[in-house]
Amino acid sequence: MIGERKYRTLRGDERRNARRVLSGVYQLADFYVAYQPAPELVRLVADRAVAEGQEADDPYCAAGGAWAMVQALRDAGR
């Protein structure tokens, strides 16, 4: 993805901020893909939201991604 390539050139606070934004983008995308007939895509997007939130060292972003993951797992019957 373009966003992922872009943040790799950044360092320090700029990189954390970029990862925070990317986590938010994945969380927004999760709301869309949740209504699509592809549960594996929902889990993938939620997992990336969690990972980016953790890499950003932002507990709120990580928690938002975790919430998306819980919803994906619940919908999958896990």
C-alpha atoms as a PDB file:
ATOM      1  CA  MET A   1       0.000   0.000   0.000  1.00  0.00           C
ATOM      2  CA  ILE A   2       1.079   3.550  -0.627  1.00  0.00           C
ATOM      3  CA  GLY A   3       0.501   4.557   3.006  1.00  0.00           C
ATOM      4  CA  GLU A   4       2.656   1.737   4.302  1.00  0.00           C
ATOM      5  CA  ARG A   5       5.519   2.603   1.957  1.00  0.00           C
ATOM      6  CA  LYS A   6       5.336   6.273   2.896  1.00  0.00           C
ATOM      7  CA  TYR A   7       5.613   5.832   6.667  1.00  0.00           C
ATOM      8  CA  ARG A   8       8.674   3.583   6.312  1.00  0.00           C
ATOM      9  CA  THR A   9      10.740   6.612   5.287  1.00  0.00           C
ATOM     10  CA  LEU A  10       9.778   8.504   8.454  1.00  0.00           C
ATOM     11  CA  ARG A  11      11.426   8.358  11.875  1.00  0.00           C
ATOM     12  CA  GLY A  12      10.484   9.137  15.475  1.00  0.00           C
ATOM     13  CA  ASP A  13       7.292  11.027  16.206  1.00  0.00           C
ATOM     14  CA  GLU A  14       6.470  11.450  12.527  1.00  0.00           C
ATOM     15  CA  ARG A  15       6.527   7.694  12.069  1.00  0.00           C
ATOM     16  CA  ARG A  16       4.340   7.089  15.132  1.00  0.00           C
ATOM     17  CA  ASN A  17       1.857   9.691  13.908  1.00  0.00           C
ATOM     18  CA  ALA A  18       1.758   8.107  10.455  1.00  0.00           C
ATOM     19  CA  ARG A  19       1.150   4.676  11.993  1.00  0.00           C
ATOM     20  CA  ARG A  20      -1.585   6.163  14.181  1.00  0.00           C
ATOM     21  CA  VAL A  21      -3.308   7.536  11.073  1.00  0.00           C
ATOM     22  CA  LEU A  22      -2.850   4.232   9.248  1.00  0.00           C
ATOM     23  CA  SER A  23      -4.422   2.385  12.192  1.00  0.00           C
ATOM     24  CA  GLY A  24      -7.408   4.726  11.957  1.00  0.00           C
ATOM     25  CA  VAL A  25      -7.689   4.104   8.228  1.00  0.00           C
ATOM     26  CA  TYR A  26      -7.719   0.343   8.841  1.00  0.00           C
ATOM     27  CA  GLN A  27     -10.394   0.812  11.517  1.00  0.00           C
ATOM     28  CA  LEU A  28     -12.544   2.787   9.083  1.00  0.00           C
ATOM     29  CA  ALA A  29     -11.992   0.181   6.386  1.00  0.00           C
ATOM     30  CA  ASP A  30     -13.086  -2.476   8.869  1.00  0.00           C
ATOM     31  CA  PHE A  31     -16.506  -0.836   9.152  1.00  0.00           C
ATOM     32  CA  TYR A  32     -16.908  -1.213   5.398  1.00  0.00           C
ATOM     33  CA  VAL A  33     -15.573  -4.736   4.979  1.00  0.00           C
ATOM     34  CA  ALA A  34     -17.643  -5.960   7.930  1.00  0.00           C
ATOM     35  CA  TYR A  35     -20.648  -5.944   5.579  1.00  0.00           C
ATOM     36  CA  GLN A  36     -18.914  -7.815   2.781  1.00  0.00           C
ATOM     37  CA  PRO A  37     -19.113 -11.596   2.307  1.00  0.00           C
ATOM     38  CA  ALA A  38     -15.408 -12.133   3.063  1.00  0.00           C
ATOM     39  CA  PRO A  39     -14.796 -12.835   6.768  1.00  0.00           C
ATOM     40  CA  GLU A  40     -11.086 -13.440   6.183  1.00  0.00           C
ATOM     41  CA  LEU A  41     -10.772  -9.880   4.860  1.00  0.00           C
ATOM     42  CA  VAL A  42     -12.492  -8.507   7.968  1.00  0.00           C
ATOM     43  CA  ARG A  43     -10.011 -10.339  10.213  1.00  0.00           C
ATOM     44  CA  LEU A  44      -7.055  -9.181   8.106  1.00  0.00           C
ATOM     45  CA  VAL A  45      -8.085  -5.516   8.257  1.00  0.00           C
ATOM     46  CA  ALA A  46      -8.773  -5.724  12.003  1.00  0.00           C
ATOM     47  CA  ASP A  47      -5.419  -7.409  12.603  1.00  0.00           C
ATOM     48  CA  ARG A  48      -3.597  -4.667  10.725  1.00  0.00           C
ATOM     49  CA  ALA A  49      -5.444  -2.008  12.717  1.00  0.00           C
ATOM     50  CA  VAL A  50      -4.261  -3.636  15.954  1.00  0.00           C
ATOM     51  CA  ALA A  51      -0.684  -3.992  14.695  1.00  0.00           C
ATOM     52  CA  GLU A  52      -0.436  -0.387  13.533  1.00  0.00           C
ATOM     53  CA  GLY A  53      -1.909   0.880  16.807  1.00  0.00           C
ATOM     54  CA  GLN A  54       0.666  -1.104  18.762  1.00  0.00           C
ATOM     55  CA  GLU A  55       3.518   0.077  16.551  1.00  0.00           C
ATOM     56  CA  ALA A  56       2.349   3.670  17.052  1.00  0.00           C
ATOM     57  CA  ASP A  57       2.619   3.174  20.835  1.00  0.00           C
ATOM     58  CA  ASP A  58      -0.931   4.486  21.095  1.00  0.00           C
ATOM     59  CA  PRO A  59      -3.157   2.512  23.450  1.00  0.00           C
ATOM     60  CA  TYR A  60      -6.324   4.093  22.050  1.00  0.00           C
ATOM     61  CA  CYS A  61      -5.506   3.056  18.486  1.00  0.00           C
ATOM     62  CA  ALA A  62      -4.524  -0.425  19.630  1.00  0.00           C
ATOM     63  CA  ALA A  63      -7.764  -0.699  21.611  1.00  0.00           C
ATOM     64  CA  GLY A  64      -9.812   0.458  18.616  1.00  0.00           C
ATOM     65  CA  GLY A  65      -8.173  -2.205  16.507  1.00  0.00           C
ATOM     66  CA  ALA A  66      -8.746  -4.797  19.217  1.00  0.00           C
ATOM     67  CA  TRP A  67     -12.425  -3.855  19.307  1.00  0.00           C
ATOM     68  CA  ALA A  68     -12.609  -4.398  15.547  1.00  0.00           C
ATOM     69  CA  MET A  69     -10.905  -7.782  15.974  1.00  0.00           C
ATOM     70  CA  VAL A  70     -13.360  -8.823  18.696  1.00  0.00           C
ATOM     71  CA  GLN A  71     -16.271  -7.943  16.421  1.00  0.00           C
ATOM     72  CA  ALA A  72     -14.732  -9.937  13.556  1.00  0.00           C
ATOM     73  CA  LEU A  73     -14.184 -12.969  15.765  1.00  0.00           C
ATOM     74  CA  ARG A  74     -17.668 -12.704  17.238  1.00  0.00           C
ATOM     75  CA  ASP A  75     -19.220 -12.551  13.775  1.00  0.00           C
ATOM     76  CA  ALA A  76     -17.187 -15.611  12.798  1.00  0.00           C
ATOM     77  CA  GLY A  77     -18.595 -17.507  15.797  1.00  0.00           C
ATOM     78  CA  ARG A  78     -15.332 -17.713  17.709  1.00  0.00           C
END
